[in-house]
PDB file of N, CA and C in Angstrom:
ATOM      1  N   MET A   1     -14.363 -29.506-121.492  1.00  0.00           N
ATOM      2  CA  MET A   1     -14.830 -28.274-120.879  1.00  0.00           C
ATOM      3  C   MET A   1     -15.059 -27.279-122.006  1.00  0.00           C
ATOM      4  N   ASN A   2     -16.061 -26.486-121.871  1.00  0.00           N
ATOM      5  CA  ASN A   2     -16.397 -25.414-122.895  1.00  0.00           C
ATOM      6  C   ASN A   2     -15.277 -24.376-122.938  1.00  0.00           C
ATOM      7  N   GLU A   3     -14.777 -24.157-124.121  1.00  0.00           N
ATOM      8  CA  GLU A   3     -13.630 -23.182-124.282  1.00  0.00           C
ATOM      9  C   GLU A   3     -14.047 -21.773-123.835  1.00  0.00           C
ATOM     10  N   GLY A   4     -15.238 -21.372-124.047  1.00  0.00           N
ATOM     11  CA  GLY A   4     -15.651 -20.017-123.592  1.00  0.00           C
ATOM     12  C   GLY A   4     -15.625 -19.863-122.139  1.00  0.00           C
ATOM     13  N   VAL A   5     -16.028 -20.901-121.380  1.00  0.00           N
ATOM     14  CA  VAL A   5     -15.996 -20.909-119.932  1.00  0.00           C
ATOM     15  C   VAL A   5     -14.562 -20.926-119.421  1.00  0.00           C
ATOM     16  N   ALA A   6     -13.688 -21.651-120.105  1.00  0.00           N
ATOM     17  CA  ALA A   6     -12.294 -21.781-119.701  1.00  0.00           C
ATOM     18  C   ALA A   6     -11.610 -20.366-119.843  1.00  0.00           C
ATOM     19  N   ARG A   7     -11.935 -19.659-120.873  1.00  0.00           N
ATOM     20  CA  ARG A   7     -11.386 -18.301-121.090  1.00  0.00           C
ATOM     21  C   ARG A   7     -11.931 -17.281-120.123  1.00  0.00           C
ATOM     22  N   GLU A   8     -13.151 -17.473-119.744  1.00  0.00           N
ATOM     23  CA  GLU A   8     -13.853 -16.491-118.890  1.00  0.00           C
ATOM     24  C   GLU A   8     -13.263 -16.512-117.422  1.00  0.00           C
ATOM     25  N   ALA A   9     -12.936 -17.644-116.918  1.00  0.00           N
ATOM     26  CA  ALA A   9     -12.462 -17.801-115.585  1.00  0.00           C
ATOM     27  C   ALA A   9     -11.203 -16.955-115.324  1.00  0.00           C
ATOM     28  N   PRO A  10     -10.164 -17.073-116.140  1.00  0.00           N
ATOM     29  CA  PRO A  10      -8.972 -16.247-115.847  1.00  0.00           C
ATOM     30  C   PRO A  10      -9.263 -14.726-116.005  1.00  0.00           C
ATOM     31  N   THR A  11     -10.137 -14.319-116.959  1.00  0.00           N
ATOM     32  CA  THR A  11     -10.448 -12.948-117.101  1.00  0.00           C
ATOM     33  C   THR A  11     -11.228 -12.438-115.869  1.00  0.00           C
ATOM     34  N   GLU A  12     -12.172 -13.229-115.360  1.00  0.00           N
ATOM     35  CA  GLU A  12     -12.908 -12.865-114.162  1.00  0.00           C
ATOM     36  C   GLU A  12     -11.997 -12.750-112.960  1.00  0.00           C
ATOM     37  N   ALA A  13     -11.069 -13.654-112.871  1.00  0.00           N
ATOM     38  CA  ALA A  13     -10.096 -13.655-111.755  1.00  0.00           C
ATOM     39  C   ALA A  13      -9.200 -12.397-111.834  1.00  0.00           C
ATOM     40  N   LEU A  14      -8.774 -12.034-113.058  1.00  0.00           N
ATOM     41  CA  LEU A  14      -7.964 -10.856-113.233  1.00  0.00           C
ATOM     42  C   LEU A  14      -8.753  -9.607-112.851  1.00  0.00           C
ATOM     43  N   LEU A  15      -9.973  -9.515-113.272  1.00  0.00           N
ATOM     44  CA  LEU A  15     -10.827  -8.335-112.944  1.00  0.00           C
ATOM     45  C   LEU A  15     -11.002  -8.221-111.398  1.00  0.00           C
ATOM     46  N   LYS A  16     -11.202  -9.339-110.705  1.00  0.00           N
ATOM     47  CA  LYS A  16     -11.356  -9.304-109.255  1.00  0.00           C
ATOM     48  C   LYS A  16     -10.058  -8.843-108.581  1.00  0.00           C
ATOM     49  N   SER A  17      -8.923  -9.392-109.150  1.00  0.00           N
ATOM     50  CA  SER A  17      -7.617  -8.974-108.591  1.00  0.00           C
ATOM     51  C   SER A  17      -7.385  -7.473-108.799  1.00  0.00           C
ATOM     52  N   GLN A  18      -7.682  -6.997-109.968  1.00  0.00           N
ATOM     53  CA  GLN A  18      -7.495  -5.556-110.256  1.00  0.00           C
ATOM     54  C   GLN A  18      -8.398  -4.751-109.338  1.00  0.00           C
ATOM     55  N   ALA A  19      -9.628  -5.164-109.071  1.00  0.00           N
ATOM     56  CA  ALA A  19     -10.559  -4.415-108.211  1.00  0.00           C
ATOM     57  C   ALA A  19      -9.972  -4.378-106.787  1.00  0.00           C
ATOM     58  N   ARG A  20      -9.467  -5.502-106.331  1.00  0.00           N
ATOM     59  CA  ARG A  20      -8.846  -5.513-104.950  1.00  0.00           C
ATOM     60  C   ARG A  20      -7.639  -4.587-104.866  1.00  0.00           C
ATOM     61  N   LEU A  21      -6.783  -4.627-105.865  1.00  0.00           N
ATOM     62  CA  LEU A  21      -5.608  -3.739-105.879  1.00  0.00           C
ATOM     63  C   LEU A  21      -6.053  -2.260-105.911  1.00  0.00           C
ATOM     64  N   GLN A  22      -7.052  -1.960-106.725  1.00  0.00           N
ATOM     65  CA  GLN A  22      -7.503  -0.547-106.819  1.00  0.00           C
ATOM     66  C   GLN A  22      -8.110  -0.119-105.475  1.00  0.00           C
ATOM     67  N   ALA A  23      -8.837  -0.933-104.839  1.00  0.00           N
ATOM     68  CA  ALA A  23      -9.448  -0.642-103.553  1.00  0.00           C
ATOM     69  C   ALA A  23      -8.322  -0.408-102.497  1.00  0.00           C
ATOM     70  N   LEU A  24      -7.305  -1.255-102.496  1.00  0.00           N
ATOM     71  CA  LEU A  24      -6.177  -1.102-101.580  1.00  0.00           C
ATOM     72  C   LEU A  24      -5.484   0.245-101.823  1.00  0.00           C
ATOM     73  N   LEU A  25      -5.126   0.526-103.047  1.00  0.00           N
ATOM     74  CA  LEU A  25      -4.386   1.731-103.354  1.00  0.00           C
ATOM     75  C   LEU A  25      -5.253   2.974-103.084  1.00  0.00           C
ATOM     76  N   SER A  26      -6.498   2.890-103.363  1.00  0.00           N
ATOM     77  CA  SER A  26      -7.400   4.035-103.076  1.00  0.00           C
ATOM     78  C   SER A  26      -7.576   4.333-101.611  1.00  0.00           C
ATOM     79  N   SER A  27      -7.330   3.330-100.756  1.00  0.00           N
ATOM     80  CA  SER A  27      -7.509   3.537 -99.330  1.00  0.00           C
ATOM     81  C   SER A  27      -6.264   4.086 -98.615  1.00  0.00           C
ATOM     82  N   LEU A  28      -5.159   4.205 -99.344  1.00  0.00           N
ATOM     83  CA  LEU A  28      -3.942   4.657 -98.691  1.00  0.00           C
ATOM     84  C   LEU A  28      -4.005   6.194 -98.444  1.00  0.00           C
ATOM     85  N   ASP A  29      -3.437   6.583 -97.346  1.00  0.00           N
ATOM     86  CA  ASP A  29      -3.314   8.068 -97.057  1.00  0.00           C
ATOM     87  C   ASP A  29      -2.141   8.679 -97.738  1.00  0.00           C
ATOM     88  N   ASP A  30      -1.250   7.878 -98.295  1.00  0.00           N
ATOM     89  CA  ASP A  30      -0.025   8.431 -98.876  1.00  0.00           C
ATOM     90  C   ASP A  30      -0.137   8.369-100.376  1.00  0.00           C
ATOM     91  N   LEU A  31       0.971   8.672-100.987  1.00  0.00           N
ATOM     92  CA  LEU A  31       1.088   8.611-102.474  1.00  0.00           C
ATOM     93  C   LEU A  31       1.861   7.344-102.828  1.00  0.00           C
ATOM     94  N   VAL A  32       1.497   6.694-103.909  1.00  0.00           N
ATOM     95  CA  VAL A  32       2.203   5.602-104.433  1.00  0.00           C
ATOM     96  C   VAL A  32       2.570   5.915-105.886  1.00  0.00           C
ATOM     97  N   PHE A  33       3.825   5.851-106.168  1.00  0.00           N
ATOM     98  CA  PHE A  33       4.325   6.142-107.502  1.00  0.00           C
ATOM     99  C   PHE A  33       4.912   4.866-108.173  1.00  0.00           C
ATOM    100  N   GLU A  34       4.482   4.679-109.419  1.00  0.00           N
ATOM    101  CA  GLU A  34       5.042   3.577-110.200  1.00  0.00           C
ATOM    102  C   GLU A  34       5.940   4.155-111.274  1.00  0.00           C
ATOM    103  N   LEU A  35       7.216   3.803-111.185  1.00  0.00           N
ATOM    104  CA  LEU A  35       8.187   4.249-112.192  1.00  0.00           C
ATOM    105  C   LEU A  35       8.791   3.128-112.939  1.00  0.00           C
ATOM    106  N   ASP A  36       9.222   3.338-114.164  1.00  0.00           N
ATOM    107  CA  ASP A  36       9.922   2.255-114.908  1.00  0.00           C
ATOM    108  C   ASP A  36      11.408   2.325-114.574  1.00  0.00           C
ATOM    109  N   GLU A  37      12.168   1.489-115.269  1.00  0.00           N
ATOM    110  CA  GLU A  37      13.574   1.385-114.989  1.00  0.00           C
ATOM    111  C   GLU A  37      14.363   2.684-115.371  1.00  0.00           C
ATOM    112  N   ASN A  38      13.737   3.559-116.136  1.00  0.00           N
ATOM    113  CA  ASN A  38      14.384   4.848-116.475  1.00  0.00           C
ATOM    114  C   ASN A  38      13.942   5.975-115.595  1.00  0.00           C
ATOM    115  N   GLY A  39      13.096   5.638-114.609  1.00  0.00           N
ATOM    116  CA  GLY A  39      12.634   6.732-113.705  1.00  0.00           C
ATOM    117  C   GLY A  39      11.463   7.472-114.264  1.00  0.00           C
ATOM    118  N   THR A  40      10.767   6.932-115.277  1.00  0.00           N
ATOM    119  CA  THR A  40       9.588   7.570-115.865  1.00  0.00           C
ATOM    120  C   THR A  40       8.368   7.179-115.079  1.00  0.00           C
ATOM    121  N   TYR A  41       7.580   8.228-114.686  1.00  0.00           N
ATOM    122  CA  TYR A  41       6.355   7.998-113.966  1.00  0.00           C
ATOM    123  C   TYR A  41       5.349   7.252-114.885  1.00  0.00           C
ATOM    124  N   LEU A  42       4.891   6.038-114.468  1.00  0.00           N
ATOM    125  CA  LEU A  42       3.887   5.305-115.204  1.00  0.00           C
ATOM    126  C   LEU A  42       2.514   5.479-114.619  1.00  0.00           C
ATOM    127  N   GLU A  43       2.427   5.586-113.296  1.00  0.00           N
ATOM    128  CA  GLU A  43       1.117   5.728-112.635  1.00  0.00           C
ATOM    129  C   GLU A  43       1.329   6.314-111.274  1.00  0.00           C
ATOM    130  N   ILE A  44       0.282   6.957-110.746  1.00  0.00           N
ATOM    131  CA  ILE A  44       0.304   7.532-109.451  1.00  0.00           C
ATOM    132  C   ILE A  44      -1.008   7.184-108.807  1.00  0.00           C
ATOM    133  N   TRP A  45      -0.951   6.659-107.577  1.00  0.00           N
ATOM    134  CA  TRP A  45      -2.148   6.330-106.859  1.00  0.00           C
ATOM    135  C   TRP A  45      -2.194   7.183-105.583  1.00  0.00           C
ATOM    136  N   THR A  46      -3.371   7.747-105.366  1.00  0.00           N
ATOM    137  CA  THR A  46      -3.618   8.469-104.118  1.00  0.00           C
ATOM    138  C   THR A  46      -5.139   8.631-103.936  1.00  0.00           C
ATOM    139  N   ALA A  47      -5.573   8.595-102.705  1.00  0.00           N
ATOM    140  CA  ALA A  47      -6.993   8.820-102.436  1.00  0.00           C
ATOM    141  C   ALA A  47      -7.261  10.332-102.382  1.00  0.00           C
ATOM    142  N   ASN A  48      -6.194  11.135-102.367  1.00  0.00           N
ATOM    143  CA  ASN A  48      -6.367  12.604-102.243  1.00  0.00           C
ATOM    144  C   ASN A  48      -5.368  13.286-103.242  1.00  0.00           C
ATOM    145  N   ASP A  49      -5.918  13.714-104.352  1.00  0.00           N
ATOM    146  CA  ASP A  49      -5.055  14.396-105.366  1.00  0.00           C
ATOM    147  C   ASP A  49      -4.457  15.696-104.860  1.00  0.00           C
ATOM    148  N   ALA A  50      -4.989  16.270-103.798  1.00  0.00           N
ATOM    149  CA  ALA A  50      -4.501  17.474-103.200  1.00  0.00           C
ATOM    150  C   ALA A  50      -3.114  17.305-102.644  1.00  0.00           C
ATOM    151  N   LEU A  51      -2.705  16.006-102.442  1.00  0.00           N
ATOM    152  CA  LEU A  51      -1.348  15.758-101.922  1.00  0.00           C
ATOM    153  C   LEU A  51      -0.252  15.997-102.978  1.00  0.00           C
ATOM    154  N   LEU A  52      -0.725  15.981-104.250  1.00  0.00           N
ATOM    155  CA  LEU A  52       0.184  16.155-105.340  1.00  0.00           C
ATOM    156  C   LEU A  52       0.561  17.668-105.531  1.00  0.00           C
ATOM    157  N   VAL A  53       1.791  18.029-105.552  1.00  0.00           N
ATOM    158  CA  VAL A  53       2.237  19.400-105.739  1.00  0.00           C
ATOM    159  C   VAL A  53       2.097  19.775-107.252  1.00  0.00           C
ATOM    160  N   VAL A  54       2.285  18.804-108.100  1.00  0.00           N
ATOM    161  CA  VAL A  54       2.129  18.931-109.527  1.00  0.00           C
ATOM    162  C   VAL A  54       0.987  17.983-109.963  1.00  0.00           C
ATOM    163  N   PRO A  55       0.082  18.466-110.863  1.00  0.00           N
ATOM    164  CA  PRO A  55      -1.016  17.632-111.309  1.00  0.00           C
ATOM    165  C   PRO A  55      -0.556  16.297-111.860  1.00  0.00           C
ATOM    166  N   ARG A  56      -1.323  15.244-111.628  1.00  0.00           N
ATOM    167  CA  ARG A  56      -1.003  13.929-112.137  1.00  0.00           C
ATOM    168  C   ARG A  56      -0.667  13.908-113.651  1.00  0.00           C
ATOM    169  N   SER A  57      -1.434  14.694-114.425  1.00  0.00           N
ATOM    170  CA  SER A  57      -1.250  14.731-115.817  1.00  0.00           C
ATOM    171  C   SER A  57       0.089  15.337-116.272  1.00  0.00           C
ATOM    172  N   GLU A  58       0.704  16.122-115.345  1.00  0.00           N
ATOM    173  CA  GLU A  58       1.987  16.695-115.615  1.00  0.00           C
ATOM    174  C   GLU A  58       3.155  15.749-115.206  1.00  0.00           C
ATOM    175  N   LEU A  59       2.807  14.714-114.456  1.00  0.00           N
ATOM    176  CA  LEU A  59       3.842  13.795-113.994  1.00  0.00           C
ATOM    177  C   LEU A  59       3.953  12.566-114.876  1.00  0.00           C
ATOM    178  N   ILE A  60       2.836  11.996-115.267  1.00  0.00           N
ATOM    179  CA  ILE A  60       2.796  10.762-116.032  1.00  0.00           C
ATOM    180  C   ILE A  60       3.539  10.972-117.364  1.00  0.00           C
ATOM    181  N   GLY A  61       4.510  10.087-117.571  1.00  0.00           N
ATOM    182  CA  GLY A  61       5.314  10.160-118.829  1.00  0.00           C
ATOM    183  C   GLY A  61       6.608  10.957-118.669  1.00  0.00           C
ATOM    184  N   ARG A  62       6.761  11.669-117.548  1.00  0.00           N
ATOM    185  CA  ARG A  62       8.001  12.394-117.304  1.00  0.00           C
ATOM    186  C   ARG A  62       8.903  11.599-116.418  1.00  0.00           C
ATOM    187  N   THR A  63      10.204  11.903-116.493  1.00  0.00           N
ATOM    188  CA  THR A  63      11.142  11.204-115.652  1.00  0.00           C
ATOM    189  C   THR A  63      11.259  11.847-114.286  1.00  0.00           C
ATOM    190  N   HIS A  64      11.767  11.135-113.315  1.00  0.00           N
ATOM    191  CA  HIS A  64      11.967  11.694-111.960  1.00  0.00           C
ATOM    192  C   HIS A  64      12.875  12.918-112.028  1.00  0.00           C
ATOM    193  N   ARG A  65      13.849  12.835-112.939  1.00  0.00           N
ATOM    194  CA  ARG A  65      14.798  14.028-113.056  1.00  0.00           C
ATOM    195  C   ARG A  65      14.085  15.285-113.483  1.00  0.00           C
ATOM    196  N   GLU A  66      13.172  15.086-114.516  1.00  0.00           N
ATOM    197  CA  GLU A  66      12.369  16.261-115.010  1.00  0.00           C
ATOM    198  C   GLU A  66      11.468  16.776-113.930  1.00  0.00           C
ATOM    199  N   VAL A  67      10.814  15.914-113.180  1.00  0.00           N
ATOM    200  CA  VAL A  67       9.919  16.315-112.147  1.00  0.00           C
ATOM    201  C   VAL A  67      10.665  16.984-111.006  1.00  0.00           C
ATOM    202  N   SER A  68      11.865  16.477-110.641  1.00  0.00           N
ATOM    203  CA  SER A  68      12.628  17.068-109.567  1.00  0.00           C
ATOM    204  C   SER A  68      13.020  18.516-109.934  1.00  0.00           C
ATOM    205  N   ALA A  69      13.340  18.749-111.204  1.00  0.00           N
ATOM    206  CA  ALA A  69      13.692  20.109-111.600  1.00  0.00           C
ATOM    207  C   ALA A  69      12.511  21.028-111.471  1.00  0.00           C
ATOM    208  N   VAL A  70      11.343  20.601-111.813  1.00  0.00           N
ATOM    209  CA  VAL A  70      10.106  21.445-111.642  1.00  0.00           C
ATOM    210  C   VAL A  70       9.833  21.693-110.163  1.00  0.00           C
ATOM    211  N   LEU A  71       9.981  20.658-109.364  1.00  0.00           N
ATOM    212  CA  LEU A  71       9.728  20.840-107.881  1.00  0.00           C
ATOM    213  C   LEU A  71      10.729  21.749-107.282  1.00  0.00           C
ATOM    214  N   ALA A  72      11.982  21.713-107.698  1.00  0.00           N
ATOM    215  CA  ALA A  72      13.000  22.585-107.161  1.00  0.00           C
ATOM    216  C   ALA A  72      12.625  24.069-107.567  1.00  0.00           C
ATOM    217  N   TRP A  73      12.142  24.295-108.761  1.00  0.00           N
ATOM    218  CA  TRP A  73      11.744  25.610-109.190  1.00  0.00           C
ATOM    219  C   TRP A  73      10.583  26.072-108.345  1.00  0.00           C
ATOM    220  N   ILE A  74       9.558  25.249-108.135  1.00  0.00           N
ATOM    221  CA  ILE A  74       8.459  25.601-107.306  1.00  0.00           C
ATOM    222  C   ILE A  74       8.906  26.024-105.908  1.00  0.00           C
ATOM    223  N   HIS A  75       9.777  25.200-105.348  1.00  0.00           N
ATOM    224  CA  HIS A  75      10.305  25.439-103.995  1.00  0.00           C
ATOM    225  C   HIS A  75      10.964  26.754-103.940  1.00  0.00           C
ATOM    226  N   ARG A  76      11.757  27.146-104.906  1.00  0.00           N
ATOM    227  CA  ARG A  76      12.446  28.422-104.936  1.00  0.00           C
ATOM    228  C   ARG A  76      11.475  29.606-105.040  1.00  0.00           C
ATOM    229  N   GLN A  77      10.315  29.365-105.599  1.00  0.00           N
ATOM    230  CA  GLN A  77       9.326  30.436-105.801  1.00  0.00           C
ATOM    231  C   GLN A  77       8.439  30.621-104.554  1.00  0.00           C
ATOM    232  N   THR A  78       8.447  29.678-103.661  1.00  0.00           N
ATOM    233  CA  THR A  78       7.647  29.743-102.447  1.00  0.00           C
ATOM    234  C   THR A  78       8.264  30.582-101.423  1.00  0.00           C
ATOM    235  N   PRO A  79       7.551  31.598-100.964  1.00  0.00           N
ATOM    236  CA  PRO A  79       8.128  32.489 -99.916  1.00  0.00           C
ATOM    237  C   PRO A  79       8.377  31.768 -98.604  1.00  0.00           C
ATOM    238  N   VAL A  80       9.382  32.139 -97.917  1.00  0.00           N
ATOM    239  CA  VAL A  80       9.735  31.527 -96.641  1.00  0.00           C
ATOM    240  C   VAL A  80       8.879  32.223 -95.602  1.00  0.00           C
ATOM    241  N   ARG A  81       8.249  31.414 -94.732  1.00  0.00           N
ATOM    242  CA  ARG A  81       7.362  31.939 -93.681  1.00  0.00           C
ATOM    243  C   ARG A  81       8.106  32.112 -92.405  1.00  0.00           C
TER     244      ARG A  81
END
């Protein structure tokens, strides 16, 4: 078998798999958070960024503890209706 063809098939399969996963995650009405073992935000998926209280760029790379502190501060600043 041609070595170039053999290498292409797994790459093509991976790209198709990634496209399916992206389509699934983009169709969700909720938020999906990917965190590592230390609670650091690695990725956030949502079809609607307006659901995020804090911009995605402010979350990625921060720990859940850091984000919780920011959210608590925001909550305290929000007037009670």
